[in-house]
C-alpha atoms as a PDB file:
ATOM      1  CA  UNK A   1      22.043  31.792  -3.310  1.00  0.00           C
ATOM      2  CA  UNK A   2      18.462  32.481  -2.282  1.00  0.00           C
ATOM      3  CA  UNK A   3      17.661  33.618   1.243  1.00  0.00           C
ATOM      4  CA  UNK A   4      14.406  32.910   3.029  1.00  0.00           C
ATOM      5  CA  UNK A   5      12.939  35.192   5.676  1.00  0.00           C
ATOM      6  CA  UNK A   6      12.489  32.480   8.268  1.00  0.00           C
ATOM      7  CA  UNK A   7      12.711  28.728   8.595  1.00  0.00           C
ATOM      8  CA  UNK A   8      10.266  27.197  11.054  1.00  0.00           C
ATOM      9  CA  UNK A   9      10.924  23.511  10.277  1.00  0.00           C
ATOM     10  CA  UNK A  10      13.779  21.389   9.020  1.00  0.00           C
ATOM     11  CA  UNK A  11      13.988  18.215   6.936  1.00  0.00           C
ATOM     12  CA  UNK A  12      17.279  16.415   6.446  1.00  0.00           C
ATOM     13  CA  UNK A  13      18.575  13.420   4.579  1.00  0.00           C
ATOM     14  CA  UNK A  14      20.524  10.963   6.721  1.00  0.00           C
ATOM     15  CA  UNK A  15      23.388   9.276   4.827  1.00  0.00           C
ATOM     16  CA  UNK A  16      25.879  11.841   3.569  1.00  0.00           C
ATOM     17  CA  UNK A  17      24.351  14.622   5.672  1.00  0.00           C
ATOM     18  CA  UNK A  18      24.283  13.435   9.283  1.00  0.00           C
ATOM     19  CA  UNK A  19      26.313  10.237   8.991  1.00  0.00           C
ATOM     20  CA  UNK A  20      28.797   8.809   6.519  1.00  0.00           C
ATOM     21  CA  UNK A  21      29.525   5.058   6.513  1.00  0.00           C
ATOM     22  CA  UNK A  22      28.162   4.775  10.040  1.00  0.00           C
ATOM     23  CA  UNK A  23      30.192   7.670  11.456  1.00  0.00           C
ATOM     24  CA  UNK A  24      28.771  11.108  12.315  1.00  0.00           C
ATOM     25  CA  UNK A  25      29.586  13.946   9.957  1.00  0.00           C
ATOM     26  CA  UNK A  26      31.662  16.506  11.911  1.00  0.00           C
ATOM     27  CA  UNK A  27      29.277  19.030  13.419  1.00  0.00           C
ATOM     28  CA  UNK A  28      26.175  16.839  13.021  1.00  0.00           C
ATOM     29  CA  UNK A  29      25.893  16.352  16.784  1.00  0.00           C
ATOM     30  CA  UNK A  30      25.865  20.123  17.369  1.00  0.00           C
ATOM     31  CA  UNK A  31      23.321  20.576  14.576  1.00  0.00           C
ATOM     32  CA  UNK A  32      20.928  17.942  15.968  1.00  0.00           C
ATOM     33  CA  UNK A  33      21.348  19.272  19.513  1.00  0.00           C
ATOM     34  CA  UNK A  34      20.580  22.844  18.429  1.00  0.00           C
ATOM     35  CA  UNK A  35      17.471  21.649  16.603  1.00  0.00           C
ATOM     36  CA  UNK A  36      16.245  19.842  19.719  1.00  0.00           C
ATOM     37  CA  UNK A  37      16.878  22.927  21.847  1.00  0.00           C
ATOM     38  CA  UNK A  38      15.110  25.203  19.371  1.00  0.00           C
ATOM     39  CA  UNK A  39      11.827  23.331  19.585  1.00  0.00           C
ATOM     40  CA  UNK A  40      11.392  23.535  15.825  1.00  0.00           C
ATOM     41  CA  UNK A  41       9.895  20.537  13.987  1.00  0.00           C
ATOM     42  CA  UNK A  42      12.549  18.293  12.460  1.00  0.00           C
ATOM     43  CA  UNK A  43      12.431  15.114  10.385  1.00  0.00           C
ATOM     44  CA  UNK A  44      15.197  12.903   9.072  1.00  0.00           C
ATOM     45  CA  UNK A  45      13.824  11.943   5.643  1.00  0.00           C
ATOM     46  CA  UNK A  46      15.429   8.828   4.215  1.00  0.00           C
ATOM     47  CA  UNK A  47      14.823   6.455   1.310  1.00  0.00           C
ATOM     48  CA  UNK A  48      16.038   3.634   3.545  1.00  0.00           C
ATOM     49  CA  UNK A  49      13.085   1.260   3.925  1.00  0.00           C
ATOM     50  CA  UNK A  50      14.993  -1.572   5.602  1.00  0.00           C
ATOM     51  CA  UNK A  51      14.702  -0.285   9.163  1.00  0.00           C
ATOM     52  CA  UNK A  52      11.854   1.035  11.287  1.00  0.00           C
ATOM     53  CA  UNK A  53      12.203   4.540  12.726  1.00  0.00           C
ATOM     54  CA  UNK A  54      13.007   2.964  16.095  1.00  0.00           C
ATOM     55  CA  UNK A  55      15.809   0.916  14.521  1.00  0.00           C
ATOM     56  CA  UNK A  56      17.246   3.969  12.783  1.00  0.00           C
ATOM     57  CA  UNK A  57      17.041   6.004  15.980  1.00  0.00           C
ATOM     58  CA  UNK A  58      19.190   3.411  17.746  1.00  0.00           C
ATOM     59  CA  UNK A  59      21.677   3.361  14.875  1.00  0.00           C
ATOM     60  CA  UNK A  60      21.944   7.157  14.944  1.00  0.00           C
ATOM     61  CA  UNK A  61      22.415   7.069  18.720  1.00  0.00           C
ATOM     62  CA  UNK A  62      25.320   4.667  18.223  1.00  0.00           C
ATOM     63  CA  UNK A  63      26.848   7.371  16.020  1.00  0.00           C
ATOM     64  CA  UNK A  64      26.357   9.931  18.795  1.00  0.00           C
ATOM     65  CA  UNK A  65      23.215  11.572  17.370  1.00  0.00           C
ATOM     66  CA  UNK A  66      20.044  11.747  19.448  1.00  0.00           C
ATOM     67  CA  UNK A  67      17.129  11.619  17.011  1.00  0.00           C
ATOM     68  CA  UNK A  68      13.886  10.181  18.437  1.00  0.00           C
ATOM     69  CA  UNK A  69      11.923   7.664  16.324  1.00  0.00           C
ATOM     70  CA  UNK A  70       9.073  10.123  15.821  1.00  0.00           C
ATOM     71  CA  UNK A  71      11.514  12.489  14.078  1.00  0.00           C
ATOM     72  CA  UNK A  72      12.402   9.930  11.379  1.00  0.00           C
ATOM     73  CA  UNK A  73      10.398   9.603   8.148  1.00  0.00           C
ATOM     74  CA  UNK A  74      11.260   6.718   5.827  1.00  0.00           C
ATOM     75  CA  UNK A  75      10.199   5.755   2.326  1.00  0.00           C
ATOM     76  CA  UNK A  76       8.480   2.757   3.952  1.00  0.00           C
ATOM     77  CA  UNK A  77       6.248   5.063   6.021  1.00  0.00           C
ATOM     78  CA  UNK A  78       5.533   7.207   2.974  1.00  0.00           C
ATOM     79  CA  UNK A  79       4.691   4.101   0.937  1.00  0.00           C
ATOM     80  CA  UNK A  80       2.339   2.777   3.614  1.00  0.00           C
ATOM     81  CA  UNK A  81       0.621   6.159   3.859  1.00  0.00           C
ATOM     82  CA  UNK A  82       0.252   6.309   0.069  1.00  0.00           C
ATOM     83  CA  UNK A  83      -1.255   2.829  -0.178  1.00  0.00           C
ATOM     84  CA  UNK A  84      -3.607   3.436   2.755  1.00  0.00           C
ATOM     85  CA  UNK A  85      -4.842   6.569   1.009  1.00  0.00           C
ATOM     86  CA  UNK A  86      -5.193   4.860  -2.379  1.00  0.00           C
ATOM     87  CA  UNK A  87      -6.767   1.600  -1.225  1.00  0.00           C
ATOM     88  CA  UNK A  88      -7.542   1.463   2.517  1.00  0.00           C
ATOM     89  CA  UNK A  89      -7.274  -1.981   4.069  1.00  0.00           C
ATOM     90  CA  UNK A  90      -5.768  -3.474   0.927  1.00  0.00           C
ATOM     91  CA  UNK A  91      -3.311  -6.294   0.403  1.00  0.00           C
ATOM     92  CA  UNK A  92       0.246  -6.534  -0.843  1.00  0.00           C
ATOM     93  CA  UNK A  93       2.961  -8.990  -1.722  1.00  0.00           C
ATOM     94  CA  UNK A  94       6.085  -7.444  -0.200  1.00  0.00           C
ATOM     95  CA  UNK A  95       9.749  -7.880  -1.005  1.00  0.00           C
ATOM     96  CA  UNK A  96      11.460  -5.995   1.783  1.00  0.00           C
ATOM     97  CA  UNK A  97      12.512  -5.886   5.408  1.00  0.00           C
ATOM     98  CA  UNK A  98      10.924  -5.051   8.768  1.00  0.00           C
ATOM     99  CA  UNK A  99      10.820  -1.316   8.083  1.00  0.00           C
ATOM    100  CA  UNK A 100       8.420  -1.883   5.191  1.00  0.00           C
ATOM    101  CA  UNK A 101       6.373  -4.786   6.519  1.00  0.00           C
ATOM    102  CA  UNK A 102       5.871  -3.062   9.883  1.00  0.00           C
ATOM    103  CA  UNK A 103       4.726   0.167   8.199  1.00  0.00           C
ATOM    104  CA  UNK A 104       2.199  -1.736   6.080  1.00  0.00           C
ATOM    105  CA  UNK A 105       0.913  -3.738   9.053  1.00  0.00           C
ATOM    106  CA  UNK A 106       0.436  -0.475  10.943  1.00  0.00           C
ATOM    107  CA  UNK A 107      -1.963   0.787   8.257  1.00  0.00           C
ATOM    108  CA  UNK A 108      -3.846  -2.532   8.436  1.00  0.00           C
ATOM    109  CA  UNK A 109      -2.616  -3.972   5.170  1.00  0.00           C
ATOM    110  CA  UNK A 110      -2.724  -7.736   4.636  1.00  0.00           C
ATOM    111  CA  UNK A 111       0.580  -9.184   3.409  1.00  0.00           C
ATOM    112  CA  UNK A 112      -0.095 -12.067   1.057  1.00  0.00           C
ATOM    113  CA  UNK A 113       0.904 -13.646  -2.234  1.00  0.00           C
ATOM    114  CA  UNK A 114      -2.695 -14.683  -2.978  1.00  0.00           C
ATOM    115  CA  UNK A 115      -4.123 -12.230  -5.512  1.00  0.00           C
ATOM    116  CA  UNK A 116      -2.780  -9.063  -3.785  1.00  0.00           C
ATOM    117  CA  UNK A 117      -3.770  -5.553  -4.788  1.00  0.00           C
ATOM    118  CA  UNK A 118      -0.113  -4.548  -5.006  1.00  0.00           C
ATOM    119  CA  UNK A 119       3.390  -5.866  -5.351  1.00  0.00           C
ATOM    120  CA  UNK A 120       5.521  -3.641  -3.125  1.00  0.00           C
ATOM    121  CA  UNK A 121       9.279  -3.660  -3.583  1.00  0.00           C
ATOM    122  CA  UNK A 122      11.575  -2.212  -0.947  1.00  0.00           C
ATOM    123  CA  UNK A 123      15.206  -2.427   0.051  1.00  0.00           C
ATOM    124  CA  UNK A 124      16.581  -5.735   1.318  1.00  0.00           C
ATOM    125  CA  UNK A 125      19.929  -7.466   1.517  1.00  0.00           C
ATOM    126  CA  UNK A 126      18.336 -10.842   0.706  1.00  0.00           C
ATOM    127  CA  UNK A 127      16.665 -10.511  -2.705  1.00  0.00           C
ATOM    128  CA  UNK A 128      15.837 -14.020  -3.924  1.00  0.00           C
ATOM    129  CA  UNK A 129      15.075 -15.463  -7.348  1.00  0.00           C
ATOM    130  CA  UNK A 130      11.943 -17.075  -5.912  1.00  0.00           C
ATOM    131  CA  UNK A 131      10.594 -13.766  -4.565  1.00  0.00           C
ATOM    132  CA  UNK A 132      11.307 -11.886  -7.768  1.00  0.00           C
ATOM    133  CA  UNK A 133       9.712 -14.619  -9.871  1.00  0.00           C
ATOM    134  CA  UNK A 134       6.594 -14.512  -7.693  1.00  0.00           C
ATOM    135  CA  UNK A 135       6.442 -10.725  -8.000  1.00  0.00           C
ATOM    136  CA  UNK A 136       6.707 -10.925 -11.788  1.00  0.00           C
ATOM    137  CA  UNK A 137       3.873 -13.436 -12.036  1.00  0.00           C
ATOM    138  CA  UNK A 138       1.608 -11.447  -9.713  1.00  0.00           C
ATOM    139  CA  UNK A 139       2.180  -8.279 -11.746  1.00  0.00           C
ATOM    140  CA  UNK A 140       1.466 -10.231 -14.943  1.00  0.00           C
ATOM    141  CA  UNK A 141      -1.821 -11.282 -13.322  1.00  0.00           C
ATOM    142  CA  UNK A 142      -2.838  -7.697 -12.566  1.00  0.00           C
ATOM    143  CA  UNK A 143      -1.204  -6.629  -9.299  1.00  0.00           C
ATOM    144  CA  UNK A 144      -0.167  -2.974  -9.277  1.00  0.00           C
ATOM    145  CA  UNK A 145       3.584  -2.362  -8.946  1.00  0.00           C
ATOM    146  CA  UNK A 146       4.875  -0.018  -6.220  1.00  0.00           C
ATOM    147  CA  UNK A 147       8.489   0.561  -5.150  1.00  0.00           C
ATOM    148  CA  UNK A 148       9.729   2.480  -2.136  1.00  0.00           C
ATOM    149  CA  UNK A 149      12.539   4.321  -3.948  1.00  0.00           C
ATOM    150  CA  UNK A 150      14.368   4.451  -7.285  1.00  0.00           C
ATOM    151  CA  UNK A 151      17.968   4.344  -5.979  1.00  0.00           C
ATOM    152  CA  UNK A 152      19.866   1.909  -8.260  1.00  0.00           C
ATOM    153  CA  UNK A 153      22.724   1.304  -5.830  1.00  0.00           C
ATOM    154  CA  UNK A 154      23.388   1.732  -2.138  1.00  0.00           C
ATOM    155  CA  UNK A 155      26.615   2.316  -0.244  1.00  0.00           C
ATOM    156  CA  UNK A 156      28.592  -0.124   1.857  1.00  0.00           C
ATOM    157  CA  UNK A 157      32.116  -0.247   3.234  1.00  0.00           C
ATOM    158  CA  UNK A 158      32.994  -2.774   0.498  1.00  0.00           C
ATOM    159  CA  UNK A 159      31.503  -0.750  -2.351  1.00  0.00           C
ATOM    160  CA  UNK A 160      28.163  -0.388  -4.145  1.00  0.00           C
ATOM    161  CA  UNK A 161      25.226  -2.712  -3.508  1.00  0.00           C
ATOM    162  CA  UNK A 162      22.288  -3.251  -5.879  1.00  0.00           C
ATOM    163  CA  UNK A 163      19.332  -1.343  -4.474  1.00  0.00           C
ATOM    164  CA  UNK A 164      15.588  -1.061  -4.999  1.00  0.00           C
ATOM    165  CA  UNK A 165      15.765   0.759  -8.339  1.00  0.00           C
ATOM    166  CA  UNK A 166      18.009  -1.882  -9.889  1.00  0.00           C
ATOM    167  CA  UNK A 167      15.739  -4.742  -8.849  1.00  0.00           C
ATOM    168  CA  UNK A 168      12.676  -2.776  -9.976  1.00  0.00           C
ATOM    169  CA  UNK A 169      14.299  -2.390 -13.399  1.00  0.00           C
ATOM    170  CA  UNK A 170      14.699  -6.157 -13.643  1.00  0.00           C
ATOM    171  CA  UNK A 171      11.019  -6.715 -12.799  1.00  0.00           C
ATOM    172  CA  UNK A 172      10.006  -4.012 -15.298  1.00  0.00           C
ATOM    173  CA  UNK A 173      12.128  -5.642 -17.999  1.00  0.00           C
ATOM    174  CA  UNK A 174      10.351  -8.950 -17.384  1.00  0.00           C
ATOM    175  CA  UNK A 175       6.805  -7.557 -17.161  1.00  0.00           C
ATOM    176  CA  UNK A 176       6.819  -4.326 -19.160  1.00  0.00           C
ATOM    177  CA  UNK A 177       5.252  -2.620 -16.114  1.00  0.00           C
ATOM    178  CA  UNK A 178       6.883   0.449 -14.565  1.00  0.00           C
ATOM    179  CA  UNK A 179       6.531   0.865 -10.790  1.00  0.00           C
ATOM    180  CA  UNK A 180       5.309   3.956  -9.017  1.00  0.00           C
ATOM    181  CA  UNK A 181       8.236   5.110  -6.851  1.00  0.00           C
ATOM    182  CA  UNK A 182       7.092   6.781  -3.631  1.00  0.00           C
ATOM    183  CA  UNK A 183      10.458   7.887  -2.187  1.00  0.00           C
ATOM    184  CA  UNK A 184      12.788  10.698  -3.240  1.00  0.00           C
ATOM    185  CA  UNK A 185      12.900  12.319  -5.760  1.00  0.00           C
ATOM    186  CA  UNK A 186       9.093  12.067  -5.731  1.00  0.00           C
ATOM    187  CA  UNK A 187       7.976  15.334  -4.047  1.00  0.00           C
ATOM    188  CA  UNK A 188       5.194  13.332  -2.397  1.00  0.00           C
ATOM    189  CA  UNK A 189       7.882  12.040  -0.036  1.00  0.00           C
ATOM    190  CA  UNK A 190       8.541  15.573   1.204  1.00  0.00           C
ATOM    191  CA  UNK A 191       4.869  16.457   1.430  1.00  0.00           C
ATOM    192  CA  UNK A 192       4.136  13.350   3.474  1.00  0.00           C
ATOM    193  CA  UNK A 193       7.003  14.251   5.828  1.00  0.00           C
ATOM    194  CA  UNK A 194       5.558  17.769   6.191  1.00  0.00           C
ATOM    195  CA  UNK A 195       2.116  16.341   6.863  1.00  0.00           C
ATOM    196  CA  UNK A 196       3.544  14.268   9.718  1.00  0.00           C
ATOM    197  CA  UNK A 197       3.891  17.495  11.737  1.00  0.00           C
ATOM    198  CA  UNK A 198       1.484  19.785   9.855  1.00  0.00           C
ATOM    199  CA  UNK A 199       4.368  21.747   8.383  1.00  0.00           C
ATOM    200  CA  UNK A 200       4.327  24.252   5.526  1.00  0.00           C
ATOM    201  CA  UNK A 201       6.603  24.246   2.505  1.00  0.00           C
ATOM    202  CA  UNK A 202       6.995  28.033   2.591  1.00  0.00           C
ATOM    203  CA  UNK A 203       8.807  27.910   5.940  1.00  0.00           C
ATOM    204  CA  UNK A 204      10.628  24.561   5.723  1.00  0.00           C
ATOM    205  CA  UNK A 205      14.195  23.776   4.665  1.00  0.00           C
ATOM    206  CA  UNK A 206      15.409  20.509   3.164  1.00  0.00           C
ATOM    207  CA  UNK A 207      19.068  19.525   3.617  1.00  0.00           C
ATOM    208  CA  UNK A 208      20.569  16.943   1.290  1.00  0.00           C
ATOM    209  CA  UNK A 209      23.803  15.732  -0.254  1.00  0.00           C
ATOM    210  CA  UNK A 210      22.435  14.725  -3.675  1.00  0.00           C
ATOM    211  CA  UNK A 211      21.268  17.116  -6.363  1.00  0.00           C
ATOM    212  CA  UNK A 212      19.363  14.365  -8.214  1.00  0.00           C
ATOM    213  CA  UNK A 213      17.254  13.234  -5.253  1.00  0.00           C
ATOM    214  CA  UNK A 214      17.246  15.487  -2.181  1.00  0.00           C
ATOM    215  CA  UNK A 215      17.537  18.870  -3.874  1.00  0.00           C
ATOM    216  CA  UNK A 216      15.235  18.288  -6.842  1.00  0.00           C
ATOM    217  CA  UNK A 217      12.677  16.658  -4.540  1.00  0.00           C
ATOM    218  CA  UNK A 218      12.770  19.559  -2.095  1.00  0.00           C
ATOM    219  CA  UNK A 219      12.616  22.092  -4.906  1.00  0.00           C
ATOM    220  CA  UNK A 220       9.573  20.458  -6.511  1.00  0.00           C
ATOM    221  CA  UNK A 221       7.849  20.383  -3.117  1.00  0.00           C
ATOM    222  CA  UNK A 222       8.434  24.133  -2.752  1.00  0.00           C
ATOM    223  CA  UNK A 223      11.010  23.926   0.041  1.00  0.00           C
ATOM    224  CA  UNK A 224      14.141  25.965   0.719  1.00  0.00           C
ATOM    225  CA  UNK A 225      16.882  23.552  -0.358  1.00  0.00           C
ATOM    226  CA  UNK A 226      20.345  23.293   1.161  1.00  0.00           C
ATOM    227  CA  UNK A 227      23.094  21.189  -0.428  1.00  0.00           C
ATOM    228  CA  UNK A 228      25.881  19.961   1.848  1.00  0.00           C
ATOM    229  CA  UNK A 229      29.145  18.741   0.341  1.00  0.00           C
ATOM    230  CA  UNK A 230      29.720  15.797   2.708  1.00  0.00           C
ATOM    231  CA  UNK A 231      28.097  13.176   0.505  1.00  0.00           C
ATOM    232  CA  UNK A 232      27.530  12.350  -3.146  1.00  0.00           C
ATOM    233  CA  UNK A 233      27.356  15.668  -5.056  1.00  0.00           C
ATOM    234  CA  UNK A 234      30.526  17.733  -5.055  1.00  0.00           C
ATOM    235  CA  UNK A 235      30.868  21.468  -5.669  1.00  0.00           C
ATOM    236  CA  UNK A 236      32.165  21.148  -9.245  1.00  0.00           C
ATOM    237  CA  UNK A 237      29.164  18.987 -10.205  1.00  0.00           C
ATOM    238  CA  UNK A 238      26.422  21.420  -9.214  1.00  0.00           C
ATOM    239  CA  UNK A 239      26.516  23.459 -12.432  1.00  0.00           C
ATOM    240  CA  UNK A 240      25.807  20.331 -14.478  1.00  0.00           C
ATOM    241  CA  UNK A 241      22.211  20.362 -13.231  1.00  0.00           C
ATOM    242  CA  UNK A 242      19.490  22.600 -14.700  1.00  0.00           C
ATOM    243  CA  UNK A 243      18.397  23.648 -11.199  1.00  0.00           C
ATOM    244  CA  UNK A 244      20.291  24.938  -8.171  1.00  0.00           C
ATOM    245  CA  UNK A 245      19.964  24.606  -4.419  1.00  0.00           C
ATOM    246  CA  UNK A 246      18.804  27.662  -2.500  1.00  0.00           C
ATOM    247  CA  UNK A 247      22.006  27.438  -0.460  1.00  0.00           C
ATOM    248  CA  UNK A 248      25.216  25.400  -0.617  1.00  0.00           C
ATOM    249  CA  UNK A 249      27.441  24.822   2.432  1.00  0.00           C
ATOM    250  CA  UNK A 250      30.319  22.546   3.320  1.00  0.00           C
ATOM    251  CA  UNK A 251      28.393  20.630   6.008  1.00  0.00           C
ATOM    252  CA  UNK A 252      25.561  20.845   8.545  1.00  0.00           C
ATOM    253  CA  UNK A 253      28.098  22.375  10.933  1.00  0.00           C
ATOM    254  CA  UNK A 254      27.661  25.570   8.896  1.00  0.00           C
ATOM    255  CA  UNK A 255      23.914  25.591   9.628  1.00  0.00           C
ATOM    256  CA  UNK A 256      23.978  25.525  13.421  1.00  0.00           C
ATOM    257  CA  UNK A 257      23.855  29.317  13.758  1.00  0.00           C
ATOM    258  CA  UNK A 258      20.960  29.515  11.270  1.00  0.00           C
ATOM    259  CA  UNK A 259      18.648  27.614  13.631  1.00  0.00           C
ATOM    260  CA  UNK A 260      16.684  30.231  15.538  1.00  0.00           C
ATOM    261  CA  UNK A 261      14.961  29.392  18.842  1.00  0.00           C
ATOM    262  CA  UNK A 262      11.226  29.242  19.162  1.00  0.00           C
ATOM    263  CA  UNK A 263       8.646  26.848  17.819  1.00  0.00           C
END
């Protein structure tokens, strides 16, 4: 595996890295505590667009992990930043939850179904036929199609749930229009997270549990990539991919001693 001279900032996925089905991954508390003590910039980078950073901070605290809201970067925030850059003060018809609508309101976007600039699809547990039909018709009438992330399914204690990518595929099938996905594995997601603290790819590590999202995204953004084996990708699956992580470890517990003090 590749070594890097120094790591001055850390990015980490959430599900499968820090928590698993609502419970902390063993050693995650020590890892987060060491990061806080080190003073190094840190962001939890997640494709979850349902919750606001404040919501996710509370959920992580319930799992015993102290991560402040300002240290959480979601695909909803990245999407809002992207749209504000592309078309400042624009309008959007949104299918999603508070994490997405709040992020768009914060960049002064108008949420409307009357001739919007964009249709923005995020994660929600309440997709409705009426909403999807409206989205299809708006796209047919010229609205640009944006989606927060391409994940086809999401985890739950009962099994897989249809996620943003699956619903986007249905809308694409009906309209013939492909969305622009902002979240992982789009390297823009990582660059926007870095920009949130003026970080540099040359001295930043990305920790993830999925080769096809976290690792490829970090690699394409020029980061030092670390695969942990507490989530989706297992050790015997790594060689199936045409790229490799810079480092592979069992869990974030193995990274605690790699966090050096000093900002």
